[in-house]
Amino acid sequence: MMKIYRTLLFIPGIKKQWFANITSSQADAVILDIEDSVAVELKTLARQYVSEAISELSSKGVHVFVRINVGPEGFNLEDIKAIVKVGLQGIVIPKVDGPDDIDRLSSLVKENEERQGLPAGSIRFLPILETAKSMQLAYEIASCKRVMGIAGLSAKNGDVARALGYQWTAEGLETLFMRSKVVMAARAAGVMPIGGLWQDVHNLEGLRKSSKFNRQLGFDGELVLHPSNVPIVNEIYSLSDDEIAYYREMVEVFERAEKQGKTAIMYKGEHIDYAHVKTAKEVLSHIK
């Protein structure tokens, strides 16, 4: 079964002093970033810090991802050489345009997997759809080998906002089509749809509303910028005790009825049949 990540917490790769607190963050995974959160003149140092941290964090049970740099000449080869090693779960890919980008990166990563003695294909990819072209080709990108999920972000004044030209609102109507398309493309390809990115990190009520809406749209989890946001997002993407009880009882009631030859019954005032019970069992299978 594919692992579902409710929260993937960004940590700037240059903030080495923050790495020690990662294990207490409660995030399902961490993204060590050597792209937008690191100044150009500090990228070499950040790359070193991140490379050294991967194995150590992994040995403590942390699922480690790294966001690499992409420039006019393509993917940063130094980034790839530094991070493809034992302990790396995956690469977060910024500003991908289409499947060709995924294929090119896969070839580069494969060479380094072989050099490190890692099984081919062991490093997974999480592309962030930040260009209009990538949004248009969401399904094609999601269907590429190594891709474990696609991220469709609805941040204020970020790369996606600039690419699509939308004017951000807290309600999010302007990104509703884009987010729904990302969810549909991911589901069709059998990978995770990942949302976010809430920038007003101290506005926890705003975060809660935004994450609830994303969850309602079908996202599996979100990229997160601040540790204080992690517990809220984890809660929203987890079943409550009442929900667990509701689905478990549904399955039990249906199975009792099925033994009596009844497969279309009423449960708590609602009609249920095999389709609803299948959904209930799938939901329960993701309990953390």
C-alpha atoms as a PDB file:
ATOM      1  CA  MET A   1       0.000   0.000   0.000  1.00  0.00           C
ATOM      2  CA  MET A   2       1.256   3.461  -0.907  1.00  0.00           C
ATOM      3  CA  LYS A   3       2.295   5.516   2.120  1.00  0.00           C
ATOM      4  CA  ILE A   4       0.143   8.604   2.549  1.00  0.00           C
ATOM      5  CA  TYR A   5       1.856  11.777   3.751  1.00  0.00           C
ATOM      6  CA  ARG A   6      -0.467  14.181   5.558  1.00  0.00           C
ATOM      7  CA  THR A   7       2.251  16.736   6.205  1.00  0.00           C
ATOM      8  CA  LEU A   8       5.555  17.421   4.477  1.00  0.00           C
ATOM      9  CA  LEU A   9       7.381  20.148   6.391  1.00  0.00           C
ATOM     10  CA  PHE A  10       9.786  22.468   4.565  1.00  0.00           C
ATOM     11  CA  ILE A  11      13.083  23.202   6.334  1.00  0.00           C
ATOM     12  CA  PRO A  12      15.563  25.589   4.659  1.00  0.00           C
ATOM     13  CA  GLY A  13      18.699  23.596   3.931  1.00  0.00           C
ATOM     14  CA  ILE A  14      20.892  26.398   5.212  1.00  0.00           C
ATOM     15  CA  LYS A  15      19.271  26.285   8.680  1.00  0.00           C
ATOM     16  CA  LYS A  16      21.453  23.484  10.045  1.00  0.00           C
ATOM     17  CA  GLN A  17      20.603  24.493  13.610  1.00  0.00           C
ATOM     18  CA  TRP A  18      16.955  23.608  12.935  1.00  0.00           C
ATOM     19  CA  PHE A  19      17.696  20.024  11.903  1.00  0.00           C
ATOM     20  CA  ALA A  20      17.954  18.836  15.501  1.00  0.00           C
ATOM     21  CA  ASN A  21      14.294  19.692  16.105  1.00  0.00           C
ATOM     22  CA  ILE A  22      12.959  17.825  13.093  1.00  0.00           C
ATOM     23  CA  THR A  23      12.286  14.592  14.980  1.00  0.00           C
ATOM     24  CA  SER A  24       9.879  16.417  17.324  1.00  0.00           C
ATOM     25  CA  SER A  25       7.960  18.183  14.556  1.00  0.00           C
ATOM     26  CA  GLN A  26       5.202  15.521  14.234  1.00  0.00           C
ATOM     27  CA  ALA A  27       5.386  15.912  10.441  1.00  0.00           C
ATOM     28  CA  ASP A  28       4.991  12.727   8.398  1.00  0.00           C
ATOM     29  CA  ALA A  29       7.979  13.814   6.300  1.00  0.00           C
ATOM     30  CA  VAL A  30      10.440  16.662   6.007  1.00  0.00           C
ATOM     31  CA  ILE A  31      11.583  18.497   2.873  1.00  0.00           C
ATOM     32  CA  LEU A  32      15.108  19.835   3.202  1.00  0.00           C
ATOM     33  CA  ASP A  33      15.099  22.734   0.766  1.00  0.00           C
ATOM     34  CA  ILE A  34      18.073  23.903  -1.263  1.00  0.00           C
ATOM     35  CA  GLU A  35      15.980  25.869  -3.756  1.00  0.00           C
ATOM     36  CA  ASP A  36      13.929  29.020  -3.086  1.00  0.00           C
ATOM     37  CA  SER A  37      14.631  29.326   0.647  1.00  0.00           C
ATOM     38  CA  VAL A  38      18.421  29.457   0.144  1.00  0.00           C
ATOM     39  CA  ALA A  39      20.367  32.448  -1.187  1.00  0.00           C
ATOM     40  CA  VAL A  40      22.458  31.773  -4.303  1.00  0.00           C
ATOM     41  CA  GLU A  41      25.748  32.374  -2.526  1.00  0.00           C
ATOM     42  CA  LEU A  42      24.806  29.893   0.213  1.00  0.00           C
ATOM     43  CA  LYS A  43      23.609  26.992  -1.930  1.00  0.00           C
ATOM     44  CA  THR A  44      26.925  25.126  -1.833  1.00  0.00           C
ATOM     45  CA  LEU A  45      26.947  25.226   1.964  1.00  0.00           C
ATOM     46  CA  ALA A  46      23.259  24.276   2.195  1.00  0.00           C
ATOM     47  CA  ARG A  47      23.869  21.342  -0.161  1.00  0.00           C
ATOM     48  CA  GLN A  48      26.618  20.112   2.162  1.00  0.00           C
ATOM     49  CA  TYR A  49      24.421  20.470   5.252  1.00  0.00           C
ATOM     50  CA  VAL A  50      21.568  18.596   3.587  1.00  0.00           C
ATOM     51  CA  SER A  51      23.788  15.809   2.280  1.00  0.00           C
ATOM     52  CA  GLU A  52      25.197  15.218   5.756  1.00  0.00           C
ATOM     53  CA  ALA A  53      21.757  15.274   7.386  1.00  0.00           C
ATOM     54  CA  ILE A  54      19.999  12.730   5.151  1.00  0.00           C
ATOM     55  CA  SER A  55      21.446   9.546   6.611  1.00  0.00           C
ATOM     56  CA  GLU A  56      21.357  10.816  10.193  1.00  0.00           C
ATOM     57  CA  LEU A  57      17.704  11.874  10.036  1.00  0.00           C
ATOM     58  CA  SER A  58      16.712   8.702   8.218  1.00  0.00           C
ATOM     59  CA  SER A  59      18.349   6.583  10.917  1.00  0.00           C
ATOM     60  CA  LYS A  60      16.004   8.285  13.395  1.00  0.00           C
ATOM     61  CA  GLY A  61      12.939   7.295  11.390  1.00  0.00           C
ATOM     62  CA  VAL A  62      12.466  10.594   9.556  1.00  0.00           C
ATOM     63  CA  HIS A  63      11.205  10.386   5.980  1.00  0.00           C
ATOM     64  CA  VAL A  64      13.526  12.778   4.165  1.00  0.00           C
ATOM     65  CA  PHE A  65      12.838  14.543   0.878  1.00  0.00           C
ATOM     66  CA  VAL A  66      14.941  17.242  -0.756  1.00  0.00           C
ATOM     67  CA  ARG A  67      13.834  20.042  -3.054  1.00  0.00           C
ATOM     68  CA  ILE A  68      16.514  20.568  -5.671  1.00  0.00           C
ATOM     69  CA  ASN A  69      17.376  23.480  -7.953  1.00  0.00           C
ATOM     70  CA  VAL A  70      16.357  23.794 -11.580  1.00  0.00           C
ATOM     71  CA  GLY A  71      17.968  26.399 -13.811  1.00  0.00           C
ATOM     72  CA  PRO A  72      18.023  27.399 -17.489  1.00  0.00           C
ATOM     73  CA  GLU A  73      20.429  24.517 -18.179  1.00  0.00           C
ATOM     74  CA  GLY A  74      18.263  21.950 -16.406  1.00  0.00           C
ATOM     75  CA  PHE A  75      18.551  20.126 -13.111  1.00  0.00           C
ATOM     76  CA  ASN A  76      21.450  20.940 -10.817  1.00  0.00           C
ATOM     77  CA  LEU A  77      23.856  18.011 -11.080  1.00  0.00           C
ATOM     78  CA  GLU A  78      25.669  18.919  -7.875  1.00  0.00           C
ATOM     79  CA  ASP A  79      22.395  18.733  -5.980  1.00  0.00           C
ATOM     80  CA  ILE A  80      21.677  15.285  -7.368  1.00  0.00           C
ATOM     81  CA  LYS A  81      25.164  13.930  -6.614  1.00  0.00           C
ATOM     82  CA  ALA A  82      24.980  15.233  -3.054  1.00  0.00           C
ATOM     83  CA  ILE A  83      21.551  13.908  -2.083  1.00  0.00           C
ATOM     84  CA  VAL A  84      21.101  10.556  -3.846  1.00  0.00           C
ATOM     85  CA  LYS A  85      22.212   8.284  -1.039  1.00  0.00           C
ATOM     86  CA  VAL A  86      20.927   5.811   1.519  1.00  0.00           C
ATOM     87  CA  GLY A  87      18.122   7.407   3.533  1.00  0.00           C
ATOM     88  CA  LEU A  88      16.643   9.668   0.868  1.00  0.00           C
ATOM     89  CA  GLN A  89      12.959   8.947   0.288  1.00  0.00           C
ATOM     90  CA  GLY A  90      12.444  11.258  -2.642  1.00  0.00           C
ATOM     91  CA  ILE A  91      13.141  14.416  -4.588  1.00  0.00           C
ATOM     92  CA  VAL A  92      10.750  17.359  -4.650  1.00  0.00           C
ATOM     93  CA  ILE A  93      10.940  18.820  -8.156  1.00  0.00           C
ATOM     94  CA  PRO A  94      10.160  22.520  -8.639  1.00  0.00           C
ATOM     95  CA  LYS A  95       9.023  24.200 -11.840  1.00  0.00           C
ATOM     96  CA  VAL A  96       8.555  21.008 -13.849  1.00  0.00           C
ATOM     97  CA  ASP A  97       6.953  21.581 -17.258  1.00  0.00           C
ATOM     98  CA  GLY A  98       6.099  18.094 -18.462  1.00  0.00           C
ATOM     99  CA  PRO A  99       6.923  14.376 -18.596  1.00  0.00           C
ATOM    100  CA  ASP A 100      10.182  15.007 -20.459  1.00  0.00           C
ATOM    101  CA  ASP A 101      11.542  16.782 -17.381  1.00  0.00           C
ATOM    102  CA  ILE A 102      10.685  13.783 -15.224  1.00  0.00           C
ATOM    103  CA  ASP A 103      12.376  11.404 -17.658  1.00  0.00           C
ATOM    104  CA  ARG A 104      15.551  13.521 -17.758  1.00  0.00           C
ATOM    105  CA  LEU A 105      15.776  13.677 -13.988  1.00  0.00           C
ATOM    106  CA  SER A 106      15.089   9.957 -13.710  1.00  0.00           C
ATOM    107  CA  SER A 107      18.076   9.187 -15.937  1.00  0.00           C
ATOM    108  CA  LEU A 108      20.348  11.401 -13.846  1.00  0.00           C
ATOM    109  CA  VAL A 109      19.116   9.895 -10.598  1.00  0.00           C
ATOM    110  CA  LYS A 110      19.503   6.352 -11.927  1.00  0.00           C
ATOM    111  CA  GLU A 111      23.202   6.966 -12.618  1.00  0.00           C
ATOM    112  CA  ASN A 112      23.696   8.132  -9.059  1.00  0.00           C
ATOM    113  CA  GLU A 113      21.648   5.284  -7.605  1.00  0.00           C
ATOM    114  CA  GLU A 114      24.006   2.875  -9.339  1.00  0.00           C
ATOM    115  CA  ARG A 115      27.008   4.782  -8.010  1.00  0.00           C
ATOM    116  CA  GLN A 116      25.632   4.558  -4.474  1.00  0.00           C
ATOM    117  CA  GLY A 117      24.632   0.908  -4.762  1.00  0.00           C
ATOM    118  CA  LEU A 118      20.926   1.706  -4.463  1.00  0.00           C
ATOM    119  CA  PRO A 119      18.233  -0.265  -6.295  1.00  0.00           C
ATOM    120  CA  ALA A 120      17.180   1.439  -9.529  1.00  0.00           C
ATOM    121  CA  GLY A 121      14.001   3.419  -9.000  1.00  0.00           C
ATOM    122  CA  SER A 122      14.283   3.532  -5.210  1.00  0.00           C
ATOM    123  CA  ILE A 123      14.252   7.352  -5.128  1.00  0.00           C
ATOM    124  CA  ARG A 124      10.726   8.671  -5.744  1.00  0.00           C
ATOM    125  CA  PHE A 125       9.648  12.029  -7.180  1.00  0.00           C
ATOM    126  CA  LEU A 126       7.176  14.648  -5.985  1.00  0.00           C
ATOM    127  CA  PRO A 127       6.811  17.262  -8.750  1.00  0.00           C
ATOM    128  CA  ILE A 128       5.377  20.642  -7.821  1.00  0.00           C
ATOM    129  CA  LEU A 129       3.151  21.926 -10.617  1.00  0.00           C
ATOM    130  CA  GLU A 130       4.179  25.583 -10.763  1.00  0.00           C
ATOM    131  CA  THR A 131       3.786  26.434 -14.440  1.00  0.00           C
ATOM    132  CA  ALA A 132       0.689  26.712 -16.610  1.00  0.00           C
ATOM    133  CA  LYS A 133       2.072  23.985 -18.861  1.00  0.00           C
ATOM    134  CA  SER A 134       2.551  21.587 -15.958  1.00  0.00           C
ATOM    135  CA  MET A 135      -1.030  22.207 -14.839  1.00  0.00           C
ATOM    136  CA  GLN A 136      -2.236  21.377 -18.331  1.00  0.00           C
ATOM    137  CA  LEU A 137      -0.137  18.181 -18.330  1.00  0.00           C
ATOM    138  CA  ALA A 138      -0.935  17.173 -14.741  1.00  0.00           C
ATOM    139  CA  TYR A 139      -2.049  13.634 -15.612  1.00  0.00           C
ATOM    140  CA  GLU A 140       0.874  12.986 -17.952  1.00  0.00           C
ATOM    141  CA  ILE A 141       3.310  14.075 -15.224  1.00  0.00           C
ATOM    142  CA  ALA A 142       1.525  12.073 -12.540  1.00  0.00           C
ATOM    143  CA  SER A 143       1.713   8.964 -14.751  1.00  0.00           C
ATOM    144  CA  CYS A 144       5.525   9.007 -15.055  1.00  0.00           C
ATOM    145  CA  LYS A 145       7.611   6.324 -13.388  1.00  0.00           C
ATOM    146  CA  ARG A 146       9.018   7.275  -9.971  1.00  0.00           C
ATOM    147  CA  VAL A 147       6.278   9.871  -9.405  1.00  0.00           C
ATOM    148  CA  MET A 148       4.614   9.227  -6.044  1.00  0.00           C
ATOM    149  CA  GLY A 149       2.405  12.288  -6.071  1.00  0.00           C
ATOM    150  CA  ILE A 150       1.883  15.721  -7.578  1.00  0.00           C
ATOM    151  CA  ALA A 151       1.619  18.971  -5.652  1.00  0.00           C
ATOM    152  CA  GLY A 152      -0.887  21.605  -6.703  1.00  0.00           C
ATOM    153  CA  LEU A 153      -0.270  24.653  -4.547  1.00  0.00           C
ATOM    154  CA  SER A 154      -2.577  27.625  -4.063  1.00  0.00           C
ATOM    155  CA  ALA A 155      -0.230  30.033  -2.298  1.00  0.00           C
ATOM    156  CA  LYS A 156      -0.547  33.806  -2.384  1.00  0.00           C
ATOM    157  CA  ASN A 157       1.855  35.545  -4.820  1.00  0.00           C
ATOM    158  CA  GLY A 158       3.858  32.374  -5.459  1.00  0.00           C
ATOM    159  CA  ASP A 159       5.007  30.738  -8.676  1.00  0.00           C
ATOM    160  CA  VAL A 160       1.579  29.257  -9.404  1.00  0.00           C
ATOM    161  CA  ALA A 161      -0.177  32.597  -8.889  1.00  0.00           C
ATOM    162  CA  ARG A 162       2.250  34.261 -11.284  1.00  0.00           C
ATOM    163  CA  ALA A 163       1.943  31.480 -13.859  1.00  0.00           C
ATOM    164  CA  LEU A 164      -1.852  31.436 -13.877  1.00  0.00           C
ATOM    165  CA  GLY A 165      -2.415  35.126 -13.149  1.00  0.00           C
ATOM    166  CA  TYR A 166      -4.991  34.590 -10.411  1.00  0.00           C
ATOM    167  CA  GLN A 167      -5.713  37.056  -7.625  1.00  0.00           C
ATOM    168  CA  TRP A 168      -5.532  35.212  -4.316  1.00  0.00           C
ATOM    169  CA  THR A 169      -8.384  35.151  -1.821  1.00  0.00           C
ATOM    170  CA  ALA A 170      -8.737  33.269   1.441  1.00  0.00           C
ATOM    171  CA  GLU A 171     -11.865  31.571   0.078  1.00  0.00           C
ATOM    172  CA  GLY A 172      -9.888  30.076  -2.803  1.00  0.00           C
ATOM    173  CA  LEU A 173     -12.514  30.176  -5.558  1.00  0.00           C
ATOM    174  CA  GLU A 174      -9.876  31.368  -8.025  1.00  0.00           C
ATOM    175  CA  THR A 175      -7.893  28.130  -7.639  1.00  0.00           C
ATOM    176  CA  LEU A 176     -10.792  25.704  -7.318  1.00  0.00           C
ATOM    177  CA  PHE A 177     -10.517  24.365 -10.875  1.00  0.00           C
ATOM    178  CA  MET A 178      -6.743  24.030 -10.668  1.00  0.00           C
ATOM    179  CA  ARG A 179      -6.850  22.155  -7.378  1.00  0.00           C
ATOM    180  CA  SER A 180      -9.642  19.845  -8.504  1.00  0.00           C
ATOM    181  CA  LYS A 181      -7.747  19.075 -11.694  1.00  0.00           C
ATOM    182  CA  VAL A 182      -4.637  18.135  -9.702  1.00  0.00           C
ATOM    183  CA  VAL A 183      -6.684  15.817  -7.491  1.00  0.00           C
ATOM    184  CA  MET A 184      -8.357  14.183 -10.494  1.00  0.00           C
ATOM    185  CA  ALA A 185      -5.067  13.750 -12.365  1.00  0.00           C
ATOM    186  CA  ALA A 186      -3.368  12.227  -9.334  1.00  0.00           C
ATOM    187  CA  ARG A 187      -6.236   9.834  -8.650  1.00  0.00           C
ATOM    188  CA  ALA A 188      -6.363   8.768 -12.294  1.00  0.00           C
ATOM    189  CA  ALA A 189      -2.632   8.008 -12.190  1.00  0.00           C
ATOM    190  CA  GLY A 190      -2.815   6.262  -8.814  1.00  0.00           C
ATOM    191  CA  VAL A 191      -0.571   8.720  -6.953  1.00  0.00           C
ATOM    192  CA  MET A 192      -1.033  11.187  -4.097  1.00  0.00           C
ATOM    193  CA  PRO A 193      -2.555  14.642  -4.617  1.00  0.00           C
ATOM    194  CA  ILE A 194      -0.738  17.070  -2.313  1.00  0.00           C
ATOM    195  CA  GLY A 195      -1.973  20.602  -1.579  1.00  0.00           C
ATOM    196  CA  GLY A 196      -0.933  23.713   0.386  1.00  0.00           C
ATOM    197  CA  LEU A 197       0.910  26.061   0.783  1.00  0.00           C
ATOM    198  CA  TRP A 198      -0.455  28.260   3.621  1.00  0.00           C
ATOM    199  CA  GLN A 199       1.838  31.278   3.939  1.00  0.00           C
ATOM    200  CA  ASP A 200       0.184  33.240   6.767  1.00  0.00           C
ATOM    201  CA  VAL A 201       1.683  30.706   9.143  1.00  0.00           C
ATOM    202  CA  HIS A 202       0.590  32.388  12.380  1.00  0.00           C
ATOM    203  CA  ASN A 203      -3.028  32.625  11.224  1.00  0.00           C
ATOM    204  CA  LEU A 204      -3.961  29.167  12.442  1.00  0.00           C
ATOM    205  CA  GLU A 205      -7.703  29.625  11.961  1.00  0.00           C
ATOM    206  CA  GLY A 206      -7.113  30.583   8.331  1.00  0.00           C
ATOM    207  CA  LEU A 207      -4.903  27.521   7.935  1.00  0.00           C
ATOM    208  CA  ARG A 208      -7.610  25.311   9.405  1.00  0.00           C
ATOM    209  CA  LYS A 209     -10.241  26.603   6.989  1.00  0.00           C
ATOM    210  CA  SER A 210      -7.937  26.294   3.989  1.00  0.00           C
ATOM    211  CA  SER A 211      -6.833  22.764   4.882  1.00  0.00           C
ATOM    212  CA  LYS A 212     -10.403  21.627   5.523  1.00  0.00           C
ATOM    213  CA  PHE A 213     -11.389  22.823   2.062  1.00  0.00           C
ATOM    214  CA  ASN A 214      -8.409  21.061   0.478  1.00  0.00           C
ATOM    215  CA  ARG A 215      -9.328  17.872   2.304  1.00  0.00           C
ATOM    216  CA  GLN A 216     -12.906  18.162   1.058  1.00  0.00           C
ATOM    217  CA  LEU A 217     -11.584  18.482  -2.497  1.00  0.00           C
ATOM    218  CA  GLY A 218      -9.750  15.157  -2.145  1.00  0.00           C
ATOM    219  CA  PHE A 219      -6.143  16.003  -1.305  1.00  0.00           C
ATOM    220  CA  ASP A 220      -4.189  13.466   0.764  1.00  0.00           C
ATOM    221  CA  GLY A 221      -1.984  15.989   2.554  1.00  0.00           C
ATOM    222  CA  GLU A 222      -0.176  19.304   2.297  1.00  0.00           C
ATOM    223  CA  LEU A 223       3.199  20.961   2.082  1.00  0.00           C
ATOM    224  CA  VAL A 224       3.715  22.940   5.303  1.00  0.00           C
ATOM    225  CA  LEU A 225       5.965  25.907   6.047  1.00  0.00           C
ATOM    226  CA  HIS A 226       5.991  26.125   9.853  1.00  0.00           C
ATOM    227  CA  PRO A 227       6.116  23.510  12.630  1.00  0.00           C
ATOM    228  CA  SER A 228       3.135  25.127  14.378  1.00  0.00           C
ATOM    229  CA  ASN A 229       1.002  24.272  11.358  1.00  0.00           C
ATOM    230  CA  VAL A 230       1.790  20.546  11.403  1.00  0.00           C
ATOM    231  CA  PRO A 231      -0.566  19.383  14.202  1.00  0.00           C
ATOM    232  CA  ILE A 232      -3.524  21.205  12.645  1.00  0.00           C
ATOM    233  CA  VAL A 233      -2.967  19.763   9.182  1.00  0.00           C
ATOM    234  CA  ASN A 234      -2.354  16.291  10.632  1.00  0.00           C
ATOM    235  CA  GLU A 235      -5.640  16.520  12.508  1.00  0.00           C
ATOM    236  CA  ILE A 236      -7.609  17.589   9.451  1.00  0.00           C
ATOM    237  CA  TYR A 237      -6.203  14.789   7.310  1.00  0.00           C
ATOM    238  CA  SER A 238      -6.839  12.158   9.986  1.00  0.00           C
ATOM    239  CA  LEU A 239     -10.107  10.472  10.873  1.00  0.00           C
ATOM    240  CA  SER A 240     -11.792  11.641  14.069  1.00  0.00           C
ATOM    241  CA  ASP A 241     -12.924   9.081  16.642  1.00  0.00           C
ATOM    242  CA  ASP A 242     -16.521   9.691  15.555  1.00  0.00           C
ATOM    243  CA  GLU A 243     -15.649   9.077  11.899  1.00  0.00           C
ATOM    244  CA  ILE A 244     -13.802   5.866  12.730  1.00  0.00           C
ATOM    245  CA  ALA A 245     -16.757   4.627  14.760  1.00  0.00           C
ATOM    246  CA  TYR A 246     -19.167   5.586  11.958  1.00  0.00           C
ATOM    247  CA  TYR A 247     -17.297   3.665   9.262  1.00  0.00           C
ATOM    248  CA  ARG A 248     -16.555   0.634  11.437  1.00  0.00           C
ATOM    249  CA  GLU A 249     -20.187   0.322  12.429  1.00  0.00           C
ATOM    250  CA  MET A 250     -21.242   0.709   8.797  1.00  0.00           C
ATOM    251  CA  VAL A 251     -19.068  -2.234   7.807  1.00  0.00           C
ATOM    252  CA  GLU A 252     -20.322  -4.338  10.717  1.00  0.00           C
ATOM    253  CA  VAL A 253     -23.997  -3.573  10.054  1.00  0.00           C
ATOM    254  CA  PHE A 254     -23.615  -4.284   6.357  1.00  0.00           C
ATOM    255  CA  GLU A 255     -21.772  -7.555   6.898  1.00  0.00           C
ATOM    256  CA  ARG A 256     -24.513  -8.776   9.241  1.00  0.00           C
ATOM    257  CA  ALA A 257     -27.139  -7.824   6.682  1.00  0.00           C
ATOM    258  CA  GLU A 258     -25.160  -9.486   3.883  1.00  0.00           C
ATOM    259  CA  LYS A 259     -25.258 -12.809   5.744  1.00  0.00           C
ATOM    260  CA  GLN A 260     -29.033 -12.508   5.589  1.00  0.00           C
ATOM    261  CA  GLY A 261     -28.978 -11.888   1.837  1.00  0.00           C
ATOM    262  CA  LYS A 262     -29.433  -8.111   2.100  1.00  0.00           C
ATOM    263  CA  THR A 263     -26.950  -5.905   0.249  1.00  0.00           C
ATOM    264  CA  ALA A 264     -28.911  -2.655   0.011  1.00  0.00           C
ATOM    265  CA  ILE A 265     -29.817  -1.425   3.488  1.00  0.00           C
ATOM    266  CA  MET A 266     -30.432   1.696   5.562  1.00  0.00           C
ATOM    267  CA  TYR A 267     -27.693   2.851   7.933  1.00  0.00           C
ATOM    268  CA  LYS A 268     -28.231   5.897  10.137  1.00  0.00           C
ATOM    269  CA  GLY A 269     -30.969   7.041   7.773  1.00  0.00           C
ATOM    270  CA  GLU A 270     -28.912   6.616   4.603  1.00  0.00           C
ATOM    271  CA  HIS A 271     -28.986   4.024   1.849  1.00  0.00           C
ATOM    272  CA  ILE A 272     -25.774   1.990   1.630  1.00  0.00           C
ATOM    273  CA  ASP A 273     -24.628  -0.890  -0.553  1.00  0.00           C
ATOM    274  CA  TYR A 274     -21.367  -2.469  -1.673  1.00  0.00           C
ATOM    275  CA  ALA A 275     -19.995   0.830  -3.035  1.00  0.00           C
ATOM    276  CA  HIS A 276     -20.375   2.611   0.303  1.00  0.00           C
ATOM    277  CA  VAL A 277     -18.860  -0.254   2.280  1.00  0.00           C
ATOM    278  CA  LYS A 278     -15.899  -0.420  -0.095  1.00  0.00           C
ATOM    279  CA  THR A 279     -15.326   3.286   0.525  1.00  0.00           C
ATOM    280  CA  ALA A 280     -15.594   2.751   4.288  1.00  0.00           C
ATOM    281  CA  LYS A 281     -13.004  -0.044   4.231  1.00  0.00           C
ATOM    282  CA  GLU A 282     -10.609   2.048   2.135  1.00  0.00           C
ATOM    283  CA  VAL A 283     -10.980   5.014   4.483  1.00  0.00           C
ATOM    284  CA  LEU A 284     -10.317   2.820   7.513  1.00  0.00           C
ATOM    285  CA  SER A 285      -7.225   1.324   5.885  1.00  0.00           C
ATOM    286  CA  HIS A 286      -5.473   4.717   6.166  1.00  0.00           C
ATOM    287  CA  ILE A 287      -5.889   5.122   9.918  1.00  0.00           C
ATOM    288  CA  LYS A 288      -2.642   6.417  11.424  1.00  0.00           C
END
